[in-house]
Amino acid sequence: MLYAIFCYNQEDVTAAWEPEHEARVMADLRAVQEPLVAAGKLGPVARLLPTTAATTLRKGDEPLIIDGPFAETKEQLLGFYVLDVADLDEALGVARDLAKANPGLGSYEIRPLALFNPGADVGSL
């Protein structure tokens, strides 16, 4: 089954990390990712650029384009993982491993995925 793990944190905190801390966290996250890659369970992983680089199109009679995300929250979506795992328990296990590799505040949202690309091969990410 396909799952997405959405990574949320306080953007101002993660943006202020010293380069050494950033490199250590990324190495710890890669250590979680490598066994998933070897098992063929890890699909795309994306780290989003800061919300200051975002543009939002608000739907309506006249679409409105605004700078940044339209969310009044301290935590922002910073990135995501796509997994092909057996069930929610396995996806939660991956999220727990990611949380251990990247301690501190923030959260991981785990959500099942349904693909809407008729030509996609669901069995191979």
PDB file of N, CA and C in Angstrom:
ATOM      1  N   MET A   1       0.846  -1.173   0.000  1.00  0.00           N
ATOM      2  CA  MET A   1       0.000   0.000   0.000  1.00  0.00           C
ATOM      3  C   MET A   1       0.893   1.238   0.000  1.00  0.00           C
ATOM      4  N   LEU A   2       0.460   2.248  -0.703  1.00  0.00           N
ATOM      5  CA  LEU A   2       1.220   3.501  -0.769  1.00  0.00           C
ATOM      6  C   LEU A   2       0.797   4.449   0.347  1.00  0.00           C
ATOM      7  N   TYR A   3       1.799   5.049   0.981  1.00  0.00           N
ATOM      8  CA  TYR A   3       1.579   6.046   2.022  1.00  0.00           C
ATOM      9  C   TYR A   3       2.478   7.235   1.770  1.00  0.00           C
ATOM     10  N   ALA A   4       1.998   8.396   2.149  1.00  0.00           N
ATOM     11  CA  ALA A   4       2.830   9.600   2.177  1.00  0.00           C
ATOM     12  C   ALA A   4       3.081   9.951   3.629  1.00  0.00           C
ATOM     13  N   ILE A   5       4.294  10.361   3.923  1.00  0.00           N
ATOM     14  CA  ILE A   5       4.628  10.896   5.238  1.00  0.00           C
ATOM     15  C   ILE A   5       4.983  12.358   5.014  1.00  0.00           C
ATOM     16  N   PHE A   6       4.149  13.249   5.539  1.00  0.00           N
ATOM     17  CA  PHE A   6       4.368  14.682   5.411  1.00  0.00           C
ATOM     18  C   PHE A   6       5.125  15.175   6.638  1.00  0.00           C
ATOM     19  N   CYS A   7       6.168  15.946   6.416  1.00  0.00           N
ATOM     20  CA  CYS A   7       7.046  16.423   7.484  1.00  0.00           C
ATOM     21  C   CYS A   7       6.737  17.878   7.795  1.00  0.00           C
ATOM     22  N   TYR A   8       6.359  18.140   9.045  1.00  0.00           N
ATOM     23  CA  TYR A   8       6.040  19.496   9.486  1.00  0.00           C
ATOM     24  C   TYR A   8       7.017  19.921  10.584  1.00  0.00           C
ATOM     25  N   ASN A   9       7.386  21.181  10.556  1.00  0.00           N
ATOM     26  CA  ASN A   9       8.212  21.739  11.612  1.00  0.00           C
ATOM     27  C   ASN A   9       8.109  23.253  11.535  1.00  0.00           C
ATOM     28  N   GLN A  10       8.716  23.908  12.502  1.00  0.00           N
ATOM     29  CA  GLN A  10       8.747  25.367  12.492  1.00  0.00           C
ATOM     30  C   GLN A  10       9.858  25.803  11.553  1.00  0.00           C
ATOM     31  N   GLU A  11       9.459  26.392  10.453  1.00  0.00           N
ATOM     32  CA  GLU A  11      10.397  26.751   9.404  1.00  0.00           C
ATOM     33  C   GLU A  11      11.507  27.673   9.900  1.00  0.00           C
ATOM     34  N   ASP A  12      11.179  28.616  10.781  1.00  0.00           N
ATOM     35  CA  ASP A  12      12.212  29.528  11.272  1.00  0.00           C
ATOM     36  C   ASP A  12      13.257  28.792  12.101  1.00  0.00           C
ATOM     37  N   VAL A  13      12.864  27.710  12.760  1.00  0.00           N
ATOM     38  CA  VAL A  13      13.816  26.923  13.553  1.00  0.00           C
ATOM     39  C   VAL A  13      14.746  26.140  12.629  1.00  0.00           C
ATOM     40  N   THR A  14      14.179  25.403  11.676  1.00  0.00           N
ATOM     41  CA  THR A  14      15.024  24.584  10.798  1.00  0.00           C
ATOM     42  C   THR A  14      15.887  25.447   9.885  1.00  0.00           C
ATOM     43  N   ALA A  15      15.409  26.616   9.506  1.00  0.00           N
ATOM     44  CA  ALA A  15      16.200  27.509   8.664  1.00  0.00           C
ATOM     45  C   ALA A  15      17.395  28.093   9.416  1.00  0.00           C
ATOM     46  N   ALA A  16      17.317  28.099  10.741  1.00  0.00           N
ATOM     47  CA  ALA A  16      18.393  28.671  11.558  1.00  0.00           C
ATOM     48  C   ALA A  16      19.446  27.636  11.963  1.00  0.00           C
ATOM     49  N   TRP A  17      19.278  26.381  11.543  1.00  0.00           N
ATOM     50  CA  TRP A  17      20.266  25.361  11.901  1.00  0.00           C
ATOM     51  C   TRP A  17      21.635  25.739  11.370  1.00  0.00           C
ATOM     52  N   GLU A  18      22.656  25.502  12.170  1.00  0.00           N
ATOM     53  CA  GLU A  18      24.036  25.659  11.723  1.00  0.00           C
ATOM     54  C   GLU A  18      24.318  24.592  10.658  1.00  0.00           C
ATOM     55  N   PRO A  19      25.217  24.860   9.716  1.00  0.00           N
ATOM     56  CA  PRO A  19      25.503  23.879   8.654  1.00  0.00           C
ATOM     57  C   PRO A  19      25.902  22.498   9.185  1.00  0.00           C
ATOM     58  N   GLU A  20      26.627  22.452  10.285  1.00  0.00           N
ATOM     59  CA  GLU A  20      27.042  21.171  10.851  1.00  0.00           C
ATOM     60  C   GLU A  20      25.832  20.387  11.372  1.00  0.00           C
ATOM     61  N   HIS A  21      24.907  21.084  12.006  1.00  0.00           N
ATOM     62  CA  HIS A  21      23.695  20.435  12.517  1.00  0.00           C
ATOM     63  C   HIS A  21      22.837  19.929  11.352  1.00  0.00           C
ATOM     64  N   GLU A  22      22.687  20.757  10.345  1.00  0.00           N
ATOM     65  CA  GLU A  22      21.937  20.365   9.139  1.00  0.00           C
ATOM     66  C   GLU A  22      22.532  19.110   8.514  1.00  0.00           C
ATOM     67  N   ALA A  23      23.850  19.076   8.364  1.00  0.00           N
ATOM     68  CA  ALA A  23      24.522  17.925   7.758  1.00  0.00           C
ATOM     69  C   ALA A  23      24.325  16.669   8.597  1.00  0.00           C
ATOM     70  N   ARG A  24      24.369  16.804   9.920  1.00  0.00           N
ATOM     71  CA  ARG A  24      24.184  15.664  10.821  1.00  0.00           C
ATOM     72  C   ARG A  24      22.754  15.118  10.707  1.00  0.00           C
ATOM     73  N   VAL A  25      21.769  16.007  10.707  1.00  0.00           N
ATOM     74  CA  VAL A  25      20.373  15.574  10.584  1.00  0.00           C
ATOM     75  C   VAL A  25      20.149  14.889   9.240  1.00  0.00           C
ATOM     76  N   MET A  26      20.670  15.459   8.160  1.00  0.00           N
ATOM     77  CA  MET A  26      20.489  14.849   6.837  1.00  0.00           C
ATOM     78  C   MET A  26      21.154  13.477   6.770  1.00  0.00           C
ATOM     79  N   ALA A  27      22.324  13.328   7.388  1.00  0.00           N
ATOM     80  CA  ALA A  27      22.992  12.022   7.411  1.00  0.00           C
ATOM     81  C   ALA A  27      22.170  11.012   8.208  1.00  0.00           C
ATOM     82  N   ASP A  28      21.605  11.438   9.327  1.00  0.00           N
ATOM     83  CA  ASP A  28      20.768  10.541  10.132  1.00  0.00           C
ATOM     84  C   ASP A  28      19.509  10.138   9.367  1.00  0.00           C
ATOM     85  N   LEU A  29      18.923  11.067   8.629  1.00  0.00           N
ATOM     86  CA  LEU A  29      17.737  10.741   7.829  1.00  0.00           C
ATOM     87  C   LEU A  29      18.094   9.792   6.689  1.00  0.00           C
ATOM     88  N   ARG A  30      19.276   9.998   6.057  1.00  0.00           N
ATOM     89  CA  ARG A  30      19.708   9.077   5.001  1.00  0.00           C
ATOM     90  C   ARG A  30      19.877   7.662   5.549  1.00  0.00           C
ATOM     91  N   ALA A  31      20.329   7.548   6.797  1.00  0.00           N
ATOM     92  CA  ALA A  31      20.496   6.221   7.411  1.00  0.00           C
ATOM     93  C   ALA A  31      19.145   5.515   7.549  1.00  0.00           C
ATOM     94  N   VAL A  32      18.076   6.262   7.739  1.00  0.00           N
ATOM     95  CA  VAL A  32      16.731   5.675   7.779  1.00  0.00           C
ATOM     96  C   VAL A  32      16.288   5.320   6.363  1.00  0.00           C
ATOM     97  N   GLN A  33      16.629   6.144   5.400  1.00  0.00           N
ATOM     98  CA  GLN A  33      16.173   5.952   4.021  1.00  0.00           C
ATOM     99  C   GLN A  33      16.851   4.774   3.325  1.00  0.00           C
ATOM    100  N   GLU A  34      18.133   4.552   3.592  1.00  0.00           N
ATOM    101  CA  GLU A  34      18.899   3.549   2.843  1.00  0.00           C
ATOM    102  C   GLU A  34      18.297   2.145   2.902  1.00  0.00           C
ATOM    103  N   PRO A  35      17.877   1.639   4.082  1.00  0.00           N
ATOM    104  CA  PRO A  35      17.252   0.302   4.073  1.00  0.00           C
ATOM    105  C   PRO A  35      15.927   0.272   3.309  1.00  0.00           C
ATOM    106  N   LEU A  36      15.202   1.383   3.319  1.00  0.00           N
ATOM    107  CA  LEU A  36      13.953   1.452   2.559  1.00  0.00           C
ATOM    108  C   LEU A  36      14.230   1.399   1.067  1.00  0.00           C
ATOM    109  N   VAL A  37      15.288   2.081   0.620  1.00  0.00           N
ATOM    110  CA  VAL A  37      15.677   2.040  -0.787  1.00  0.00           C
ATOM    111  C   VAL A  37      16.073   0.620  -1.165  1.00  0.00           C
ATOM    112  N   ALA A  38      16.891  -0.017  -0.326  1.00  0.00           N
ATOM    113  CA  ALA A  38      17.357  -1.377  -0.603  1.00  0.00           C
ATOM    114  C   ALA A  38      16.196  -2.365  -0.693  1.00  0.00           C
ATOM    115  N   ALA A  39      15.138  -2.127   0.093  1.00  0.00           N
ATOM    116  CA  ALA A  39      13.968  -3.013   0.083  1.00  0.00           C
ATOM    117  C   ALA A  39      12.955  -2.625  -0.990  1.00  0.00           C
ATOM    118  N   GLY A  40      13.227  -1.565  -1.753  1.00  0.00           N
ATOM    119  CA  GLY A  40      12.302  -1.124  -2.796  1.00  0.00           C
ATOM    120  C   GLY A  40      11.037  -0.495  -2.247  1.00  0.00           C
ATOM    121  N   LYS A  41      11.104   0.055  -1.029  1.00  0.00           N
ATOM    122  CA  LYS A  41       9.915   0.616  -0.383  1.00  0.00           C
ATOM    123  C   LYS A  41       9.875   2.138  -0.393  1.00  0.00           C
ATOM    124  N   LEU A  42      10.941   2.780  -0.811  1.00  0.00           N
ATOM    125  CA  LEU A  42      10.978   4.246  -0.772  1.00  0.00           C
ATOM    126  C   LEU A  42      10.804   4.819  -2.166  1.00  0.00           C
ATOM    127  N   GLY A  43       9.793   5.645  -2.310  1.00  0.00           N
ATOM    128  CA  GLY A  43       9.562   6.360  -3.557  1.00  0.00           C
ATOM    129  C   GLY A  43      10.163   7.750  -3.462  1.00  0.00           C
ATOM    130  N   PRO A  44       9.547   8.727  -4.100  1.00  0.00           N
ATOM    131  CA  PRO A  44      10.084  10.079  -4.088  1.00  0.00           C
ATOM    132  C   PRO A  44      10.141  10.669  -2.677  1.00  0.00           C
ATOM    133  N   VAL A  45      11.186  11.418  -2.439  1.00  0.00           N
ATOM    134  CA  VAL A  45      11.357  12.195  -1.214  1.00  0.00           C
ATOM    135  C   VAL A  45      11.630  13.623  -1.668  1.00  0.00           C
ATOM    136  N   ALA A  46      10.922  14.573  -1.099  1.00  0.00           N
ATOM    137  CA  ALA A  46      11.121  15.968  -1.517  1.00  0.00           C
ATOM    138  C   ALA A  46      11.235  16.864  -0.294  1.00  0.00           C
ATOM    139  N   ARG A  47      12.180  17.776  -0.358  1.00  0.00           N
ATOM    140  CA  ARG A  47      12.295  18.818   0.649  1.00  0.00           C
ATOM    141  C   ARG A  47      11.850  20.106  -0.026  1.00  0.00           C
ATOM    142  N   LEU A  48      10.853  20.724   0.552  1.00  0.00           N
ATOM    143  CA  LEU A  48      10.312  21.940  -0.044  1.00  0.00           C
ATOM    144  C   LEU A  48      11.185  23.143   0.296  1.00  0.00           C
ATOM    145  N   LEU A  49      11.283  24.063  -0.631  1.00  0.00           N
ATOM    146  CA  LEU A  49      11.974  25.311  -0.359  1.00  0.00           C
ATOM    147  C   LEU A  49      11.139  26.133   0.610  1.00  0.00           C
ATOM    148  N   PRO A  50      11.704  27.170   1.209  1.00  0.00           N
ATOM    149  CA  PRO A  50      10.974  27.942   2.227  1.00  0.00           C
ATOM    150  C   PRO A  50       9.654  28.512   1.700  1.00  0.00           C
ATOM    151  N   THR A  51       8.749  28.760   2.637  1.00  0.00           N
ATOM    152  CA  THR A  51       7.446  29.312   2.265  1.00  0.00           C
ATOM    153  C   THR A  51       7.580  30.687   1.609  1.00  0.00           C
ATOM    154  N   THR A  52       8.695  31.359   1.844  1.00  0.00           N
ATOM    155  CA  THR A  52       8.910  32.646   1.185  1.00  0.00           C
ATOM    156  C   THR A  52       9.062  32.476  -0.327  1.00  0.00           C
ATOM    157  N   ALA A  53       9.342  31.258  -0.780  1.00  0.00           N
ATOM    158  CA  ALA A  53       9.460  30.981  -2.213  1.00  0.00           C
ATOM    159  C   ALA A  53       8.145  30.477  -2.801  1.00  0.00           C
ATOM    160  N   ALA A  54       7.120  30.315  -1.961  1.00  0.00           N
ATOM    161  CA  ALA A  54       5.851  29.734  -2.402  1.00  0.00           C
ATOM    162  C   ALA A  54       4.920  30.780  -2.999  1.00  0.00           C
ATOM    163  N   THR A  55       4.057  30.310  -3.862  1.00  0.00           N
ATOM    164  CA  THR A  55       2.960  31.102  -4.422  1.00  0.00           C
ATOM    165  C   THR A  55       1.700  30.254  -4.297  1.00  0.00           C
ATOM    166  N   THR A  56       0.611  30.873  -3.905  1.00  0.00           N
ATOM    167  CA  THR A  56      -0.655  30.158  -3.737  1.00  0.00           C
ATOM    168  C   THR A  56      -1.693  30.723  -4.689  1.00  0.00           C
ATOM    169  N   LEU A  57      -2.421  29.839  -5.347  1.00  0.00           N
ATOM    170  CA  LEU A  57      -3.552  30.234  -6.167  1.00  0.00           C
ATOM    171  C   LEU A  57      -4.801  29.854  -5.389  1.00  0.00           C
ATOM    172  N   ARG A  58      -5.566  30.859  -4.950  1.00  0.00           N
ATOM    173  CA  ARG A  58      -6.823  30.649  -4.221  1.00  0.00           C
ATOM    174  C   ARG A  58      -7.945  30.547  -5.241  1.00  0.00           C
ATOM    175  N   LYS A  59      -8.686  29.444  -5.207  1.00  0.00           N
ATOM    176  CA  LYS A  59      -9.769  29.234  -6.158  1.00  0.00           C
ATOM    177  C   LYS A  59     -10.956  30.127  -5.832  1.00  0.00           C
ATOM    178  N   GLY A  60     -11.730  30.405  -6.839  1.00  0.00           N
ATOM    179  CA  GLY A  60     -12.934  31.201  -6.694  1.00  0.00           C
ATOM    180  C   GLY A  60     -13.399  31.645  -8.069  1.00  0.00           C
ATOM    181  N   ASP A  61     -14.404  32.507  -8.102  1.00  0.00           N
ATOM    182  CA  ASP A  61     -14.865  33.025  -9.392  1.00  0.00           C
ATOM    183  C   ASP A  61     -13.720  33.677 -10.146  1.00  0.00           C
ATOM    184  N   GLU A  62     -12.928  34.435  -9.423  1.00  0.00           N
ATOM    185  CA  GLU A  62     -11.715  35.054  -9.970  1.00  0.00           C
ATOM    186  C   GLU A  62     -10.542  34.514  -9.169  1.00  0.00           C
ATOM    187  N   PRO A  63      -9.752  33.582  -9.715  1.00  0.00           N
ATOM    188  CA  PRO A  63      -8.622  33.058  -8.953  1.00  0.00           C
ATOM    189  C   PRO A  63      -7.704  34.188  -8.481  1.00  0.00           C
ATOM    190  N   LEU A  64      -7.223  34.042  -7.259  1.00  0.00           N
ATOM    191  CA  LEU A  64      -6.353  35.037  -6.646  1.00  0.00           C
ATOM    192  C   LEU A  64      -4.997  34.406  -6.406  1.00  0.00           C
ATOM    193  N   ILE A  65      -3.951  35.056  -6.878  1.00  0.00           N
ATOM    194  CA  ILE A  65      -2.597  34.558  -6.680  1.00  0.00           C
ATOM    195  C   ILE A  65      -1.934  35.414  -5.610  1.00  0.00           C
ATOM    196  N   ILE A  66      -1.417  34.724  -4.567  1.00  0.00           N
ATOM    197  CA  ILE A  66      -0.773  35.426  -3.461  1.00  0.00           C
ATOM    198  C   ILE A  66       0.590  34.807  -3.180  1.00  0.00           C
ATOM    199  N   ASP A  67       1.459  35.570  -2.559  1.00  0.00           N
ATOM    200  CA  ASP A  67       2.762  35.062  -2.151  1.00  0.00           C
ATOM    201  C   ASP A  67       2.600  34.171  -0.930  1.00  0.00           C
ATOM    202  N   GLY A  68       3.384  33.099  -0.884  1.00  0.00           N
ATOM    203  CA  GLY A  68       3.443  32.249   0.285  1.00  0.00           C
ATOM    204  C   GLY A  68       2.245  31.340   0.437  1.00  0.00           C
ATOM    205  N   PRO A  69       2.315  30.486   1.450  1.00  0.00           N
ATOM    206  CA  PRO A  69       1.180  29.598   1.730  1.00  0.00           C
ATOM    207  C   PRO A  69       0.086  30.378   2.433  1.00  0.00           C
ATOM    208  N   PHE A  70      -1.116  29.870   2.360  1.00  0.00           N
ATOM    209  CA  PHE A  70      -2.245  30.530   3.014  1.00  0.00           C
ATOM    210  C   PHE A  70      -2.584  29.737   4.262  1.00  0.00           C
ATOM    211  N   ALA A  71      -1.682  29.775   5.235  1.00  0.00           N
ATOM    212  CA  ALA A  71      -1.889  29.033   6.478  1.00  0.00           C
ATOM    213  C   ALA A  71      -1.384  29.867   7.640  1.00  0.00           C
ATOM    214  N   GLU A  72      -2.237  30.061   8.615  1.00  0.00           N
ATOM    215  CA  GLU A  72      -1.861  30.783   9.830  1.00  0.00           C
ATOM    216  C   GLU A  72      -1.441  29.753  10.870  1.00  0.00           C
ATOM    217  N   THR A  73      -0.218  29.280  10.771  1.00  0.00           N
ATOM    218  CA  THR A  73       0.262  28.243  11.671  1.00  0.00           C
ATOM    219  C   THR A  73       1.754  28.389  11.871  1.00  0.00           C
ATOM    220  N   LYS A  74       2.248  27.940  13.012  1.00  0.00           N
ATOM    221  CA  LYS A  74       3.687  27.978  13.264  1.00  0.00           C
ATOM    222  C   LYS A  74       4.403  26.903  12.466  1.00  0.00           C
ATOM    223  N   GLU A  75       3.776  25.719  12.372  1.00  0.00           N
ATOM    224  CA  GLU A  75       4.400  24.626  11.636  1.00  0.00           C
ATOM    225  C   GLU A  75       4.030  24.703  10.161  1.00  0.00           C
ATOM    226  N   GLN A  76       5.013  24.441   9.324  1.00  0.00           N
ATOM    227  CA  GLN A  76       4.808  24.439   7.885  1.00  0.00           C
ATOM    228  C   GLN A  76       5.176  23.070   7.331  1.00  0.00           C
ATOM    229  N   LEU A  77       4.588  22.725   6.190  1.00  0.00           N
ATOM    230  CA  LEU A  77       4.961  21.515   5.481  1.00  0.00           C
ATOM    231  C   LEU A  77       6.337  21.741   4.883  1.00  0.00           C
ATOM    232  N   LEU A  78       7.317  20.948   5.309  1.00  0.00           N
ATOM    233  CA  LEU A  78       8.691  21.128   4.855  1.00  0.00           C
ATOM    234  C   LEU A  78       9.107  20.104   3.806  1.00  0.00           C
ATOM    235  N   GLY A  79       8.392  18.988   3.720  1.00  0.00           N
ATOM    236  CA  GLY A  79       8.760  17.972   2.745  1.00  0.00           C
ATOM    237  C   GLY A  79       7.899  16.740   2.919  1.00  0.00           C
ATOM    238  N   PHE A  80       8.198  15.707   2.113  1.00  0.00           N
ATOM    239  CA  PHE A  80       7.405  14.483   2.203  1.00  0.00           C
ATOM    240  C   PHE A  80       8.180  13.291   1.676  1.00  0.00           C
ATOM    241  N   TYR A  81       7.749  12.124   2.108  1.00  0.00           N
ATOM    242  CA  TYR A  81       8.245  10.831   1.646  1.00  0.00           C
ATOM    243  C   TYR A  81       7.070  10.083   1.041  1.00  0.00           C
ATOM    244  N   VAL A  82       7.339   9.250   0.045  1.00  0.00           N
ATOM    245  CA  VAL A  82       6.328   8.331  -0.483  1.00  0.00           C
ATOM    246  C   VAL A  82       6.860   6.921  -0.252  1.00  0.00           C
ATOM    247  N   LEU A  83       6.047   6.094   0.390  1.00  0.00           N
ATOM    248  CA  LEU A  83       6.435   4.727   0.736  1.00  0.00           C
ATOM    249  C   LEU A  83       5.498   3.719   0.104  1.00  0.00           C
ATOM    250  N   ASP A  84       6.034   2.557  -0.214  1.00  0.00           N
ATOM    251  CA  ASP A  84       5.226   1.419  -0.628  1.00  0.00           C
ATOM    252  C   ASP A  84       5.447   0.338   0.425  1.00  0.00           C
ATOM    253  N   VAL A  85       4.580   0.292   1.426  1.00  0.00           N
ATOM    254  CA  VAL A  85       4.733  -0.616   2.557  1.00  0.00           C
ATOM    255  C   VAL A  85       3.471  -1.466   2.717  1.00  0.00           C
ATOM    256  N   ALA A  86       3.570  -2.456   3.596  1.00  0.00           N
ATOM    257  CA  ALA A  86       2.470  -3.411   3.752  1.00  0.00           C
ATOM    258  C   ALA A  86       1.214  -2.784   4.337  1.00  0.00           C
ATOM    259  N   ASP A  87       1.391  -1.888   5.335  1.00  0.00           N
ATOM    260  CA  ASP A  87       0.220  -1.374   6.032  1.00  0.00           C
ATOM    261  C   ASP A  87       0.588  -0.134   6.841  1.00  0.00           C
ATOM    262  N   LEU A  88      -0.405   0.403   7.535  1.00  0.00           N
ATOM    263  CA  LEU A  88      -0.204   1.605   8.337  1.00  0.00           C
ATOM    264  C   LEU A  88       0.832   1.384   9.428  1.00  0.00           C
ATOM    265  N   ASP A  89       0.850   0.202  10.037  1.00  0.00           N
ATOM    266  CA  ASP A  89       1.826  -0.063  11.095  1.00  0.00           C
ATOM    267  C   ASP A  89       3.257   0.083  10.586  1.00  0.00           C
ATOM    268  N   GLU A  90       3.517  -0.409   9.381  1.00  0.00           N
ATOM    269  CA  GLU A  90       4.861  -0.282   8.824  1.00  0.00           C
ATOM    270  C   GLU A  90       5.177   1.182   8.510  1.00  0.00           C
ATOM    271  N   ALA A  91       4.199   1.916   7.985  1.00  0.00           N
ATOM    272  CA  ALA A  91       4.404   3.344   7.710  1.00  0.00           C
ATOM    273  C   ALA A  91       4.670   4.105   9.007  1.00  0.00           C
ATOM    274  N   LEU A  92       3.948   3.765  10.073  1.00  0.00           N
ATOM    275  CA  LEU A  92       4.183   4.396  11.373  1.00  0.00           C
ATOM    276  C   LEU A  92       5.575   4.079  11.901  1.00  0.00           C
ATOM    277  N   GLY A  93       6.046   2.873  11.656  1.00  0.00           N
ATOM    278  CA  GLY A  93       7.407   2.510  12.060  1.00  0.00           C
ATOM    279  C   GLY A  93       8.440   3.374  11.367  1.00  0.00           C
ATOM    280  N   VAL A  94       8.245   3.623  10.079  1.00  0.00           N
ATOM    281  CA  VAL A  94       9.158   4.503   9.340  1.00  0.00           C
ATOM    282  C   VAL A  94       9.096   5.915   9.911  1.00  0.00           C
ATOM    283  N   ALA A  95       7.894   6.406  10.178  1.00  0.00           N
ATOM    284  CA  ALA A  95       7.753   7.750  10.747  1.00  0.00           C
ATOM    285  C   ALA A  95       8.448   7.835  12.105  1.00  0.00           C
ATOM    286  N   ARG A  96       8.341   6.785  12.912  1.00  0.00           N
ATOM    287  CA  ARG A  96       9.040   6.778  14.207  1.00  0.00           C
ATOM    288  C   ARG A  96      10.552   6.844  14.010  1.00  0.00           C
ATOM    289  N   ASP A  97      11.074   6.102  13.035  1.00  0.00           N
ATOM    290  CA  ASP A  97      12.509   6.125  12.752  1.00  0.00           C
ATOM    291  C   ASP A  97      12.950   7.513  12.276  1.00  0.00           C
ATOM    292  N   LEU A  98      12.127   8.136  11.441  1.00  0.00           N
ATOM    293  CA  LEU A  98      12.441   9.496  10.981  1.00  0.00           C
ATOM    294  C   LEU A  98      12.458  10.465  12.158  1.00  0.00           C
ATOM    295  N   ALA A  99      11.505  10.305  13.077  1.00  0.00           N
ATOM    296  CA  ALA A  99      11.436  11.184  14.251  1.00  0.00           C
ATOM    297  C   ALA A  99      12.667  11.020  15.137  1.00  0.00           C
ATOM    298  N   LYS A 100      13.147   9.784  15.294  1.00  0.00           N
ATOM    299  CA  LYS A 100      14.367   9.556  16.081  1.00  0.00           C
ATOM    300  C   LYS A 100      15.579  10.189  15.409  1.00  0.00           C
ATOM    301  N   ALA A 101      15.611  10.142  14.075  1.00  0.00           N
ATOM    302  CA  ALA A 101      16.747  10.695  13.331  1.00  0.00           C
ATOM    303  C   ALA A 101      16.739  12.216  13.322  1.00  0.00           C
ATOM    304  N   ASN A 102      15.575  12.814  13.565  1.00  0.00           N
ATOM    305  CA  ASN A 102      15.425  14.266  13.510  1.00  0.00           C
ATOM    306  C   ASN A 102      14.678  14.728  14.758  1.00  0.00           C
ATOM    307  N   PRO A 103      15.363  14.672  15.927  1.00  0.00           N
ATOM    308  CA  PRO A 103      14.674  14.992  17.184  1.00  0.00           C
ATOM    309  C   PRO A 103      14.296  16.465  17.272  1.00  0.00           C
ATOM    310  N   GLY A 104      13.415  16.754  18.182  1.00  0.00           N
ATOM    311  CA  GLY A 104      12.949  18.126  18.391  1.00  0.00           C
ATOM    312  C   GLY A 104      11.462  18.203  18.133  1.00  0.00           C
ATOM    313  N   LEU A 105      10.989  19.416  17.958  1.00  0.00           N
ATOM    314  CA  LEU A 105       9.573  19.639  17.702  1.00  0.00           C
ATOM    315  C   LEU A 105       9.218  19.277  16.273  1.00  0.00           C
ATOM    316  N   GLY A 106       7.948  19.336  15.973  1.00  0.00           N
ATOM    317  CA  GLY A 106       7.477  19.035  14.627  1.00  0.00           C
ATOM    318  C   GLY A 106       6.572  17.824  14.657  1.00  0.00           C
ATOM    319  N   SER A 107       6.141  17.386  13.486  1.00  0.00           N
ATOM    320  CA  SER A 107       5.262  16.231  13.405  1.00  0.00           C
ATOM    321  C   SER A 107       5.368  15.586  12.037  1.00  0.00           C
ATOM    322  N   TYR A 108       4.908  14.349  11.980  1.00  0.00           N
ATOM    323  CA  TYR A 108       4.818  13.611  10.732  1.00  0.00           C
ATOM    324  C   TYR A 108       3.365  13.185  10.557  1.00  0.00           C
ATOM    325  N   GLU A 109       2.790  13.534   9.440  1.00  0.00           N
ATOM    326  CA  GLU A 109       1.428  13.115   9.113  1.00  0.00           C
ATOM    327  C   GLU A 109       1.528  11.958   8.132  1.00  0.00           C
ATOM    328  N   ILE A 110       0.893  10.841   8.457  1.00  0.00           N
ATOM    329  CA  ILE A 110       0.923   9.660   7.607  1.00  0.00           C
ATOM    330  C   ILE A 110      -0.444   9.526   6.960  1.00  0.00           C
ATOM    331  N   ARG A 111      -0.449   9.441   5.632  1.00  0.00           N
ATOM    332  CA  ARG A 111      -1.723   9.391   4.926  1.00  0.00           C
ATOM    333  C   ARG A 111      -1.632   8.412   3.755  1.00  0.00           C
ATOM    334  N   PRO A 112      -2.632   7.513   3.606  1.00  0.00           N
ATOM    335  CA  PRO A 112      -2.643   6.624   2.443  1.00  0.00           C
ATOM    336  C   PRO A 112      -2.752   7.434   1.151  1.00  0.00           C
ATOM    337  N   LEU A 113      -2.147   6.908   0.107  1.00  0.00           N
ATOM    338  CA  LEU A 113      -2.180   7.569  -1.197  1.00  0.00           C
ATOM    339  C   LEU A 113      -3.037   6.780  -2.179  1.00  0.00           C
ATOM    340  N   ALA A 114      -3.722   7.497  -3.020  1.00  0.00           N
ATOM    341  CA  ALA A 114      -4.412   6.921  -4.172  1.00  0.00           C
ATOM    342  C   ALA A 114      -3.853   7.635  -5.396  1.00  0.00           C
ATOM    343  N   LEU A 115      -3.317   6.879  -6.318  1.00  0.00           N
ATOM    344  CA  LEU A 115      -2.749   7.476  -7.520  1.00  0.00           C
ATOM    345  C   LEU A 115      -3.838   7.757  -8.540  1.00  0.00           C
ATOM    346  N   PHE A 116      -3.714   8.876  -9.204  1.00  0.00           N
ATOM    347  CA  PHE A 116      -4.684   9.259 -10.228  1.00  0.00           C
ATOM    348  C   PHE A 116      -4.023   9.394 -11.590  1.00  0.00           C
ATOM    349  N   ASN A 117      -2.985   8.625 -11.804  1.00  0.00           N
ATOM    350  CA  ASN A 117      -2.295   8.619 -13.084  1.00  0.00           C
ATOM    351  C   ASN A 117      -2.574   7.264 -13.730  1.00  0.00           C
ATOM    352  N   PRO A 118      -3.461   7.222 -14.728  1.00  0.00           N
ATOM    353  CA  PRO A 118      -3.861   5.935 -15.305  1.00  0.00           C
ATOM    354  C   PRO A 118      -2.708   5.131 -15.863  1.00  0.00           C
ATOM    355  N   GLY A 119      -1.618   5.780 -16.256  1.00  0.00           N
ATOM    356  CA  GLY A 119      -0.482   5.059 -16.827  1.00  0.00           C
ATOM    357  C   GLY A 119       0.539   4.635 -15.809  1.00  0.00           C
ATOM    358  N   ALA A 120       0.358   4.984 -14.532  1.00  0.00           N
ATOM    359  CA  ALA A 120       1.363   4.684 -13.517  1.00  0.00           C
ATOM    360  C   ALA A 120       1.318   3.213 -13.124  1.00  0.00           C
ATOM    361  N   ASP A 121       2.485   2.653 -12.900  1.00  0.00           N
ATOM    362  CA  ASP A 121       2.604   1.298 -12.389  1.00  0.00           C
ATOM    363  C   ASP A 121       2.703   1.392 -10.887  1.00  0.00           C
ATOM    364  N   VAL A 122       1.623   1.108 -10.189  1.00  0.00           N
ATOM    365  CA  VAL A 122       1.540   1.263  -8.727  1.00  0.00           C
ATOM    366  C   VAL A 122       2.544   0.335  -8.037  1.00  0.00           C
ATOM    367  N   GLY A 123       2.850  -0.793  -8.646  1.00  0.00           N
ATOM    368  CA  GLY A 123       3.752  -1.745  -8.013  1.00  0.00           C
ATOM    369  C   GLY A 123       5.197  -1.309  -7.973  1.00  0.00           C
ATOM    370  N   SER A 124       5.584  -0.367  -8.800  1.00  0.00           N
ATOM    371  CA  SER A 124       6.972   0.100  -8.771  1.00  0.00           C
ATOM    372  C   SER A 124       6.980   1.613  -8.664  1.00  0.00           C
ATOM    373  N   LEU A 125       7.558   2.080  -7.585  1.00  0.00           N
ATOM    374  CA  LEU A 125       7.637   3.517  -7.375  1.00  0.00           C
ATOM    375  C   LEU A 125       8.678   4.039  -8.302  1.00  0.00           C
TER     376      LEU A 125
END
